[in-house]
Amino acid sequence: MGIVNIDDDLHDQVRRASKVSCRSINAQAAYWIKVGMLCEADPALTFGEIMKRELGAAGVSARPLEVSDA
């Protein structure tokens, strides 16, 4: 574990995004880093395809949930 030095503008964007995503600032930065790494590893895939693949690998069903009329 280490310290990553980023500029103030990027840090502000991470802070704002973390509030929307209900993540800590560190968790948001880690998420963006991981997604960026996955995108660079396979640039032919869309973000949605990458997320579906990662969710499937984690054992999470990526299909839409059915909504009841109750």
C-alpha atoms as a PDB file:
ATOM      1  CA  MET A   1       0.000   0.000   0.000  1.00  0.00           C
ATOM      2  CA  GLY A   2       1.312   3.408  -0.831  1.00  0.00           C
ATOM      3  CA  ILE A   3       0.506   7.016  -1.451  1.00  0.00           C
ATOM      4  CA  VAL A   4      -0.506   8.248  -4.893  1.00  0.00           C
ATOM      5  CA  ASN A   5       0.173  11.894  -5.631  1.00  0.00           C
ATOM      6  CA  ILE A   6      -2.526  13.437  -7.849  1.00  0.00           C
ATOM      7  CA  ASP A   7      -3.227  17.058  -8.642  1.00  0.00           C
ATOM      8  CA  ASP A   8      -5.875  19.010  -6.750  1.00  0.00           C
ATOM      9  CA  ASP A   9      -8.348  19.130  -9.653  1.00  0.00           C
ATOM     10  CA  LEU A  10      -8.335  15.350 -10.067  1.00  0.00           C
ATOM     11  CA  HIS A  11      -8.640  14.868  -6.311  1.00  0.00           C
ATOM     12  CA  ASP A  12     -11.690  17.158  -6.333  1.00  0.00           C
ATOM     13  CA  GLN A  13     -13.264  15.071  -9.114  1.00  0.00           C
ATOM     14  CA  VAL A  14     -12.599  11.857  -7.154  1.00  0.00           C
ATOM     15  CA  ARG A  15     -14.146  13.424  -4.036  1.00  0.00           C
ATOM     16  CA  ARG A  16     -17.273  14.510  -5.931  1.00  0.00           C
ATOM     17  CA  ALA A  17     -17.673  11.146  -7.677  1.00  0.00           C
ATOM     18  CA  SER A  18     -17.232   9.294  -4.374  1.00  0.00           C
ATOM     19  CA  LYS A  19     -20.280  11.056  -2.936  1.00  0.00           C
ATOM     20  CA  VAL A  20     -22.432  10.071  -5.911  1.00  0.00           C
ATOM     21  CA  SER A  21     -21.163   6.472  -5.789  1.00  0.00           C
ATOM     22  CA  CYS A  22     -21.425   6.143  -1.992  1.00  0.00           C
ATOM     23  CA  ARG A  23     -17.740   5.186  -1.842  1.00  0.00           C
ATOM     24  CA  SER A  24     -14.868   6.592   0.159  1.00  0.00           C
ATOM     25  CA  ILE A  25     -12.459   8.797  -1.775  1.00  0.00           C
ATOM     26  CA  ASN A  26      -9.872   5.998  -1.682  1.00  0.00           C
ATOM     27  CA  ALA A  27     -12.398   3.404  -2.854  1.00  0.00           C
ATOM     28  CA  GLN A  28     -13.464   5.668  -5.734  1.00  0.00           C
ATOM     29  CA  ALA A  29      -9.865   6.211  -6.813  1.00  0.00           C
ATOM     30  CA  ALA A  30      -9.170   2.461  -6.592  1.00  0.00           C
ATOM     31  CA  TYR A  31     -12.305   1.738  -8.657  1.00  0.00           C
ATOM     32  CA  TRP A  32     -11.275   4.180 -11.383  1.00  0.00           C
ATOM     33  CA  ILE A  33      -7.750   2.748 -11.415  1.00  0.00           C
ATOM     34  CA  LYS A  34      -9.036  -0.817 -11.755  1.00  0.00           C
ATOM     35  CA  VAL A  35     -11.525   0.095 -14.492  1.00  0.00           C
ATOM     36  CA  GLY A  36      -8.779   1.969 -16.336  1.00  0.00           C
ATOM     37  CA  MET A  37      -6.472  -1.036 -16.134  1.00  0.00           C
ATOM     38  CA  LEU A  38      -9.222  -3.344 -17.423  1.00  0.00           C
ATOM     39  CA  CYS A  39      -9.992  -0.955 -20.298  1.00  0.00           C
ATOM     40  CA  GLU A  40      -6.335  -0.761 -21.286  1.00  0.00           C
ATOM     41  CA  ALA A  41      -6.002  -4.547 -21.088  1.00  0.00           C
ATOM     42  CA  ASP A  42      -8.835  -5.068 -23.594  1.00  0.00           C
ATOM     43  CA  PRO A  43      -9.651  -1.826 -25.432  1.00  0.00           C
ATOM     44  CA  ALA A  44     -12.070  -3.577 -27.801  1.00  0.00           C
ATOM     45  CA  LEU A  45     -14.587  -4.097 -24.964  1.00  0.00           C
ATOM     46  CA  THR A  46     -17.099  -1.461 -23.914  1.00  0.00           C
ATOM     47  CA  PHE A  47     -17.411  -0.388 -20.291  1.00  0.00           C
ATOM     48  CA  GLY A  48     -20.648  -2.387 -20.053  1.00  0.00           C
ATOM     49  CA  GLU A  49     -18.988  -5.522 -21.402  1.00  0.00           C
ATOM     50  CA  ILE A  50     -16.131  -5.164 -18.945  1.00  0.00           C
ATOM     51  CA  MET A  51     -18.522  -4.721 -16.002  1.00  0.00           C
ATOM     52  CA  LYS A  52     -20.636  -7.699 -17.113  1.00  0.00           C
ATOM     53  CA  ARG A  53     -17.507  -9.860 -17.352  1.00  0.00           C
ATOM     54  CA  GLU A  54     -16.207  -8.742 -13.940  1.00  0.00           C
ATOM     55  CA  LEU A  55     -19.592  -9.213 -12.264  1.00  0.00           C
ATOM     56  CA  GLY A  56     -19.872 -12.687 -13.785  1.00  0.00           C
ATOM     57  CA  ALA A  57     -16.383 -13.572 -12.543  1.00  0.00           C
ATOM     58  CA  ALA A  58     -17.485 -12.480  -9.059  1.00  0.00           C
ATOM     59  CA  GLY A  59     -20.582 -14.683  -9.250  1.00  0.00           C
ATOM     60  CA  VAL A  60     -23.042 -11.795  -9.628  1.00  0.00           C
ATOM     61  CA  SER A  61     -25.879 -12.145 -12.131  1.00  0.00           C
ATOM     62  CA  ALA A  62     -25.647  -9.265 -14.591  1.00  0.00           C
ATOM     63  CA  ARG A  63     -29.152  -9.734 -15.973  1.00  0.00           C
ATOM     64  CA  PRO A  64     -31.825  -7.127 -15.216  1.00  0.00           C
ATOM     65  CA  LEU A  65     -34.072  -7.832 -12.246  1.00  0.00           C
ATOM     66  CA  GLU A  66     -37.772  -8.278 -12.851  1.00  0.00           C
ATOM     67  CA  VAL A  67     -39.964  -5.617 -11.287  1.00  0.00           C
ATOM     68  CA  SER A  68     -43.288  -6.721  -9.811  1.00  0.00           C
ATOM     69  CA  ASP A  69     -46.494  -4.694 -10.240  1.00  0.00           C
ATOM     70  CA  ALA A  70     -47.321  -4.976  -6.530  1.00  0.00           C
END
